[in-house]
Amino acid sequence: RGQRRELIRQRTLLLRQRQEDELVARQQVVNREAAEMEEDEELEYSEEESDSENEAAPKLKPLFISKRDRVTIQKRNRDLQREKERDLDIRRIAEERKKQTREMLEQEMRQELQRKADSLSKIGYA
């Protein structure tokens, strides 16, 4: 009985070891194939990249704009300056209107005082 069990254990161990060896061998083959596929993909990718770079290069080429035609920053600054001037003009006009209104009120009050003084002098209080 003891010998028989020992033989069965040895056979089982041998089978397991063979299976493990086969698995390791398969894994190595799979790893090699995966590495080759990655290399192929990298080559294809680098070829596609160089092709796409060649195609995209003219699109990414800088465009020269002469100094007098560069209007974006200058125009924005001019627009801001015009807006500031416009605000100042509006404020100045508002101040002028206030001043005119005060002058008109003062003149109207003087005239009214003058009329009252004239009417009082006609009546005889002055």
N, C-alpha and C. Protein backbone atom coordinates (compact mmCIF):
# COMPACT_ATOMS: atom_id res chain seq x y z
N ARG A 1 0.82 -1.20 0.00
CA ARG A 1 0.00 0.00 0.00
C ARG A 1 0.85 1.25 0.00
N GLY A 2 1.87 1.35 0.81
CA GLY A 2 2.73 2.52 0.94
C GLY A 2 3.44 2.83 -0.36
N GLN A 3 3.88 1.73 -1.06
CA GLN A 3 4.58 1.95 -2.32
C GLN A 3 3.63 2.48 -3.38
N ARG A 4 2.45 1.95 -3.37
CA ARG A 4 1.48 2.36 -4.37
C ARG A 4 1.13 3.83 -4.19
N ARG A 5 0.90 4.26 -2.96
CA ARG A 5 0.60 5.67 -2.69
C ARG A 5 1.77 6.56 -3.10
N GLU A 6 2.96 6.08 -2.82
CA GLU A 6 4.14 6.86 -3.18
C GLU A 6 4.23 7.00 -4.70
N LEU A 7 3.96 5.95 -5.45
CA LEU A 7 3.98 6.01 -6.92
C LEU A 7 2.91 6.99 -7.43
N ILE A 8 1.73 6.93 -6.84
CA ILE A 8 0.65 7.84 -7.26
C ILE A 8 1.06 9.28 -6.99
N ARG A 9 1.66 9.56 -5.85
CA ARG A 9 2.12 10.92 -5.52
C ARG A 9 3.18 11.37 -6.51
N GLN A 10 4.14 10.51 -6.86
CA GLN A 10 5.19 10.87 -7.80
C GLN A 10 4.61 11.18 -9.17
N ARG A 11 3.67 10.34 -9.61
CA ARG A 11 3.02 10.59 -10.91
C ARG A 11 2.28 11.92 -10.89
N THR A 12 1.56 12.17 -9.80
CA THR A 12 0.81 13.42 -9.67
C THR A 12 1.75 14.61 -9.68
N LEU A 13 2.85 14.51 -8.95
CA LEU A 13 3.83 15.59 -8.93
C LEU A 13 4.43 15.81 -10.31
N LEU A 14 4.75 14.69 -11.02
CA LEU A 14 5.29 14.81 -12.38
C LEU A 14 4.28 15.48 -13.31
N LEU A 15 3.02 15.07 -13.20
CA LEU A 15 1.98 15.69 -14.04
C LEU A 15 1.86 17.18 -13.76
N ARG A 16 1.85 17.53 -12.48
CA ARG A 16 1.75 18.95 -12.10
C ARG A 16 2.95 19.73 -12.62
N GLN A 17 4.14 19.14 -12.49
CA GLN A 17 5.34 19.84 -12.93
C GLN A 17 5.32 20.01 -14.45
N ARG A 18 4.89 18.97 -15.17
CA ARG A 18 4.78 19.08 -16.64
C ARG A 18 3.78 20.16 -17.02
N GLN A 19 2.64 20.17 -16.32
CA GLN A 19 1.63 21.18 -16.61
C GLN A 19 2.17 22.59 -16.34
N GLU A 20 2.89 22.73 -15.21
CA GLU A 20 3.47 24.03 -14.89
C GLU A 20 4.51 24.43 -15.93
N ASP A 21 5.33 23.45 -16.37
CA ASP A 21 6.34 23.72 -17.41
C ASP A 21 5.66 24.14 -18.71
N GLU A 22 4.57 23.44 -19.06
CA GLU A 22 3.83 23.81 -20.27
C GLU A 22 3.23 25.21 -20.15
N LEU A 23 2.71 25.50 -18.96
CA LEU A 23 2.15 26.83 -18.74
C LEU A 23 3.23 27.91 -18.86
N VAL A 24 4.39 27.65 -18.29
CA VAL A 24 5.50 28.60 -18.37
C VAL A 24 5.92 28.78 -19.83
N ALA A 25 6.03 27.65 -20.55
CA ALA A 25 6.42 27.72 -21.96
C ALA A 25 5.38 28.50 -22.76
N ARG A 26 4.09 28.23 -22.52
CA ARG A 26 3.02 28.96 -23.22
C ARG A 26 3.09 30.46 -22.89
N GLN A 27 3.32 30.74 -21.61
CA GLN A 27 3.39 32.14 -21.18
C GLN A 27 4.56 32.85 -21.86
N GLN A 28 5.67 32.16 -22.00
CA GLN A 28 6.83 32.75 -22.68
C GLN A 28 6.51 33.01 -24.14
N VAL A 29 5.84 32.06 -24.78
CA VAL A 29 5.46 32.24 -26.18
C VAL A 29 4.51 33.43 -26.31
N VAL A 30 3.53 33.49 -25.42
CA VAL A 30 2.57 34.59 -25.45
C VAL A 30 3.30 35.92 -25.22
N ASN A 31 4.22 35.93 -24.28
CA ASN A 31 4.98 37.16 -24.00
C ASN A 31 5.81 37.58 -25.20
N ARG A 32 6.46 36.62 -25.85
CA ARG A 32 7.23 36.94 -27.06
C ARG A 32 6.35 37.50 -28.15
N GLU A 33 5.21 36.84 -28.36
CA GLU A 33 4.28 37.32 -29.39
C GLU A 33 3.77 38.72 -29.06
N ALA A 34 3.48 38.95 -27.79
CA ALA A 34 2.99 40.27 -27.38
C ALA A 34 4.08 41.32 -27.60
N ALA A 35 5.32 40.97 -27.28
CA ALA A 35 6.43 41.90 -27.48
C ALA A 35 6.61 42.21 -28.95
N GLU A 36 6.51 41.18 -29.79
CA GLU A 36 6.62 41.39 -31.23
C GLU A 36 5.49 42.26 -31.76
N MET A 37 4.30 42.01 -31.25
CA MET A 37 3.15 42.82 -31.68
C MET A 37 3.33 44.27 -31.26
N GLU A 38 3.84 44.48 -30.06
CA GLU A 38 4.08 45.85 -29.59
C GLU A 38 5.12 46.54 -30.46
N GLU A 39 6.17 45.82 -30.81
CA GLU A 39 7.19 46.39 -31.68
C GLU A 39 6.59 46.75 -33.03
N ASP A 40 5.78 45.84 -33.57
CA ASP A 40 5.13 46.10 -34.86
C ASP A 40 4.21 47.32 -34.76
N GLU A 41 3.45 47.38 -33.66
CA GLU A 41 2.55 48.52 -33.47
C GLU A 41 3.33 49.82 -33.31
N GLU A 42 4.46 49.74 -32.59
CA GLU A 42 5.28 50.94 -32.44
C GLU A 42 5.83 51.39 -33.78
N LEU A 43 6.26 50.43 -34.59
CA LEU A 43 6.75 50.78 -35.91
C LEU A 43 5.63 51.39 -36.75
N GLU A 44 4.46 50.75 -36.73
CA GLU A 44 3.32 51.29 -37.46
C GLU A 44 2.94 52.66 -36.93
N TYR A 45 2.94 52.81 -35.61
CA TYR A 45 2.57 54.07 -34.99
C TYR A 45 3.57 55.16 -35.38
N SER A 46 4.87 54.80 -35.33
CA SER A 46 5.88 55.81 -35.68
C SER A 46 5.77 56.16 -37.16
N GLU A 47 5.43 55.18 -38.02
CA GLU A 47 5.23 55.49 -39.43
C GLU A 47 4.00 56.37 -39.61
N GLU A 48 2.92 56.05 -38.90
CA GLU A 48 1.72 56.87 -38.97
C GLU A 48 2.00 58.26 -38.42
N GLU A 49 2.79 58.31 -37.36
CA GLU A 49 3.11 59.59 -36.74
C GLU A 49 3.90 60.45 -37.71
N SER A 50 4.90 59.85 -38.35
CA SER A 50 5.71 60.61 -39.29
C SER A 50 4.87 61.02 -40.50
N ASP A 51 3.97 60.13 -40.94
CA ASP A 51 3.08 60.48 -42.04
C ASP A 51 2.16 61.63 -41.64
N SER A 52 1.58 61.53 -40.44
CA SER A 52 0.66 62.58 -40.01
C SER A 52 1.42 63.87 -39.74
N GLU A 53 2.66 63.77 -39.28
CA GLU A 53 3.46 64.97 -39.06
C GLU A 53 3.75 65.65 -40.39
N ASN A 54 4.03 64.84 -41.40
CA ASN A 54 4.29 65.41 -42.72
C ASN A 54 3.05 66.08 -43.27
N GLU A 55 1.91 65.49 -43.03
CA GLU A 55 0.66 66.07 -43.53
C GLU A 55 0.29 67.32 -42.74
N ALA A 56 0.54 67.30 -41.44
CA ALA A 56 0.12 68.40 -40.58
C ALA A 56 1.12 69.55 -40.61
N ALA A 57 2.33 69.31 -41.02
CA ALA A 57 3.35 70.35 -40.98
C ALA A 57 2.94 71.62 -41.72
N PRO A 58 2.41 71.55 -42.93
CA PRO A 58 2.01 72.80 -43.60
C PRO A 58 0.90 73.53 -42.85
N LYS A 59 0.03 72.81 -42.17
CA LYS A 59 -1.07 73.43 -41.45
C LYS A 59 -0.56 74.17 -40.21
N LEU A 60 0.53 73.68 -39.62
CA LEU A 60 1.05 74.26 -38.39
C LEU A 60 2.11 75.32 -38.65
N LYS A 61 2.38 75.58 -39.91
CA LYS A 61 3.40 76.55 -40.27
C LYS A 61 2.98 77.94 -39.80
N PRO A 62 3.89 78.69 -39.18
CA PRO A 62 3.52 80.03 -38.72
C PRO A 62 3.23 80.95 -39.90
N LEU A 63 2.30 81.82 -39.68
CA LEU A 63 1.89 82.76 -40.72
C LEU A 63 2.44 84.12 -40.38
N PHE A 64 3.20 84.71 -41.28
CA PHE A 64 3.77 86.02 -41.05
C PHE A 64 2.73 87.09 -41.33
N ILE A 65 2.62 88.02 -40.37
CA ILE A 65 1.72 89.15 -40.54
C ILE A 65 2.56 90.40 -40.40
N SER A 66 2.50 91.27 -41.38
CA SER A 66 3.33 92.47 -41.34
C SER A 66 2.95 93.34 -40.15
N LYS A 67 3.87 94.21 -39.76
CA LYS A 67 3.70 95.00 -38.55
C LYS A 67 2.46 95.89 -38.61
N ARG A 68 2.21 96.49 -39.74
CA ARG A 68 1.06 97.40 -39.85
C ARG A 68 -0.27 96.64 -39.82
N ASP A 69 -0.23 95.33 -40.13
CA ASP A 69 -1.46 94.53 -40.13
C ASP A 69 -1.72 93.84 -38.80
N ARG A 70 -0.80 93.95 -37.87
CA ARG A 70 -0.99 93.34 -36.55
C ARG A 70 -1.88 94.26 -35.73
N VAL A 71 -3.16 93.97 -35.75
CA VAL A 71 -4.11 94.89 -35.16
C VAL A 71 -4.74 94.41 -33.87
N THR A 72 -4.56 93.20 -33.51
CA THR A 72 -5.31 92.68 -32.37
C THR A 72 -5.02 93.44 -31.08
N ILE A 73 -3.79 93.53 -30.68
CA ILE A 73 -3.46 94.21 -29.42
C ILE A 73 -3.61 95.72 -29.59
N GLN A 74 -3.12 96.25 -30.70
CA GLN A 74 -3.24 97.68 -30.94
C GLN A 74 -4.69 98.11 -31.01
N LYS A 75 -5.49 97.34 -31.71
CA LYS A 75 -6.90 97.69 -31.83
C LYS A 75 -7.59 97.64 -30.47
N ARG A 76 -7.28 96.62 -29.70
CA ARG A 76 -7.88 96.51 -28.37
C ARG A 76 -7.49 97.71 -27.51
N ASN A 77 -6.22 98.11 -27.57
CA ASN A 77 -5.77 99.28 -26.80
C ASN A 77 -6.47 100.55 -27.28
N ARG A 78 -6.60 100.70 -28.60
CA ARG A 78 -7.31 101.87 -29.14
C ARG A 78 -8.77 101.88 -28.70
N ASP A 79 -9.40 100.71 -28.74
CA ASP A 79 -10.80 100.63 -28.32
C ASP A 79 -10.95 100.99 -26.84
N LEU A 80 -10.04 100.50 -26.01
CA LEU A 80 -10.07 100.85 -24.59
C LEU A 80 -9.87 102.34 -24.38
N GLN A 81 -8.95 102.92 -25.13
CA GLN A 81 -8.70 104.35 -25.02
C GLN A 81 -9.93 105.15 -25.44
N ARG A 82 -10.55 104.75 -26.54
CA ARG A 82 -11.78 105.42 -27.00
C ARG A 82 -12.88 105.32 -25.95
N GLU A 83 -13.00 104.15 -25.34
CA GLU A 83 -14.03 103.96 -24.31
C GLU A 83 -13.76 104.87 -23.11
N LYS A 84 -12.50 104.97 -22.70
CA LYS A 84 -12.15 105.88 -21.60
C LYS A 84 -12.48 107.32 -21.96
N GLU A 85 -12.13 107.71 -23.19
CA GLU A 85 -12.42 109.07 -23.63
C GLU A 85 -13.92 109.32 -23.67
N ARG A 86 -14.67 108.34 -24.12
CA ARG A 86 -16.13 108.46 -24.17
C ARG A 86 -16.70 108.64 -22.76
N ASP A 87 -16.19 107.84 -21.81
CA ASP A 87 -16.64 107.98 -20.41
C ASP A 87 -16.31 109.37 -19.87
N LEU A 88 -15.10 109.85 -20.17
CA LEU A 88 -14.71 111.18 -19.71
C LEU A 88 -15.61 112.25 -20.34
N ASP A 89 -15.92 112.10 -21.63
CA ASP A 89 -16.82 113.06 -22.30
C ASP A 89 -18.19 113.05 -21.64
N ILE A 90 -18.70 111.87 -21.33
CA ILE A 90 -20.02 111.78 -20.69
C ILE A 90 -20.00 112.46 -19.33
N ARG A 91 -18.95 112.23 -18.57
CA ARG A 91 -18.83 112.88 -17.26
C ARG A 91 -18.72 114.40 -17.40
N ARG A 92 -17.90 114.83 -18.36
CA ARG A 92 -17.73 116.26 -18.59
C ARG A 92 -19.05 116.92 -18.98
N ILE A 93 -19.79 116.28 -19.86
CA ILE A 93 -21.09 116.80 -20.28
C ILE A 93 -22.04 116.86 -19.09
N ALA A 94 -22.03 115.82 -18.26
CA ALA A 94 -22.90 115.81 -17.08
C ALA A 94 -22.54 116.96 -16.14
N GLU A 95 -21.25 117.20 -15.94
CA GLU A 95 -20.81 118.30 -15.08
C GLU A 95 -21.23 119.65 -15.68
N GLU A 96 -21.10 119.78 -16.99
CA GLU A 96 -21.52 121.03 -17.64
C GLU A 96 -23.02 121.26 -17.46
N ARG A 97 -23.79 120.22 -17.59
CA ARG A 97 -25.24 120.34 -17.40
C ARG A 97 -25.57 120.77 -15.97
N LYS A 98 -24.89 120.15 -15.00
CA LYS A 98 -25.11 120.54 -13.60
C LYS A 98 -24.78 122.02 -13.41
N LYS A 99 -23.65 122.43 -13.97
CA LYS A 99 -23.22 123.83 -13.85
C LYS A 99 -24.25 124.76 -14.48
N GLN A 100 -24.72 124.39 -15.69
CA GLN A 100 -25.75 125.21 -16.37
C GLN A 100 -27.03 125.25 -15.55
N THR A 101 -27.41 124.12 -14.98
CA THR A 101 -28.63 124.08 -14.17
C THR A 101 -28.48 125.00 -12.96
N ARG A 102 -27.35 124.97 -12.29
CA ARG A 102 -27.11 125.84 -11.14
C ARG A 102 -27.18 127.32 -11.55
N GLU A 103 -26.52 127.62 -12.67
CA GLU A 103 -26.53 129.01 -13.15
C GLU A 103 -27.94 129.47 -13.47
N MET A 104 -28.71 128.56 -14.11
CA MET A 104 -30.10 128.92 -14.45
C MET A 104 -30.91 129.15 -13.18
N LEU A 105 -30.73 128.31 -12.17
CA LEU A 105 -31.45 128.47 -10.90
C LEU A 105 -31.05 129.77 -10.21
N GLU A 106 -29.73 130.03 -10.19
CA GLU A 106 -29.27 131.28 -9.57
C GLU A 106 -29.85 132.50 -10.29
N GLN A 107 -29.83 132.44 -11.60
CA GLN A 107 -30.37 133.56 -12.39
C GLN A 107 -31.85 133.71 -12.13
N GLU A 108 -32.57 132.59 -12.10
CA GLU A 108 -34.02 132.63 -11.84
C GLU A 108 -34.29 133.17 -10.44
N MET A 109 -33.49 132.76 -9.46
CA MET A 109 -33.67 133.25 -8.09
C MET A 109 -33.36 134.75 -8.02
N ARG A 110 -32.30 135.22 -8.71
CA ARG A 110 -31.98 136.65 -8.74
C ARG A 110 -33.13 137.45 -9.35
N GLN A 111 -33.65 136.89 -10.48
CA GLN A 111 -34.75 137.60 -11.15
C GLN A 111 -35.97 137.67 -10.23
N GLU A 112 -36.25 136.56 -9.54
CA GLU A 112 -37.40 136.54 -8.63
C GLU A 112 -37.18 137.52 -7.47
N LEU A 113 -35.99 137.54 -6.92
CA LEU A 113 -35.68 138.49 -5.86
C LEU A 113 -35.79 139.93 -6.37
N GLN A 114 -35.32 140.13 -7.61
CA GLN A 114 -35.41 141.46 -8.21
C GLN A 114 -36.87 141.86 -8.38
N ARG A 115 -37.71 140.93 -8.84
CA ARG A 115 -39.13 141.22 -9.02
C ARG A 115 -39.78 141.56 -7.68
N LYS A 116 -39.45 140.74 -6.66
CA LYS A 116 -40.01 141.02 -5.33
C LYS A 116 -39.54 142.39 -4.82
N ALA A 117 -38.26 142.67 -5.04
CA ALA A 117 -37.74 143.97 -4.61
C ALA A 117 -38.42 145.09 -5.36
N ASP A 118 -38.63 144.89 -6.66
CA ASP A 118 -39.31 145.90 -7.46
C ASP A 118 -40.76 146.07 -6.99
N SER A 119 -41.44 144.95 -6.74
CA SER A 119 -42.83 145.04 -6.30
C SER A 119 -42.92 145.70 -4.92
N LEU A 120 -41.97 145.41 -4.05
CA LEU A 120 -41.96 146.01 -2.73
C LEU A 120 -41.63 147.51 -2.82
N SER A 121 -40.76 147.86 -3.72
CA SER A 121 -40.41 149.27 -3.87
C SER A 121 -41.57 150.04 -4.47
N LYS A 122 -42.36 149.38 -5.30
CA LYS A 122 -43.54 150.04 -5.88
C LYS A 122 -44.57 150.25 -4.78
N ILE A 123 -44.66 149.31 -3.89
CA ILE A 123 -45.63 149.42 -2.81
C ILE A 123 -45.15 150.45 -1.76
N GLY A 124 -43.87 150.59 -1.63
CA GLY A 124 -43.37 151.58 -0.74
C GLY A 124 -42.61 151.04 0.45
N TYR A 125 -42.24 149.81 0.48
CA TYR A 125 -41.48 149.27 1.62
C TYR A 125 -39.97 149.50 1.49
N ALA A 126 -39.52 149.91 0.41
CA ALA A 126 -38.09 150.03 0.28
C ALA A 126 -37.57 151.39 0.58
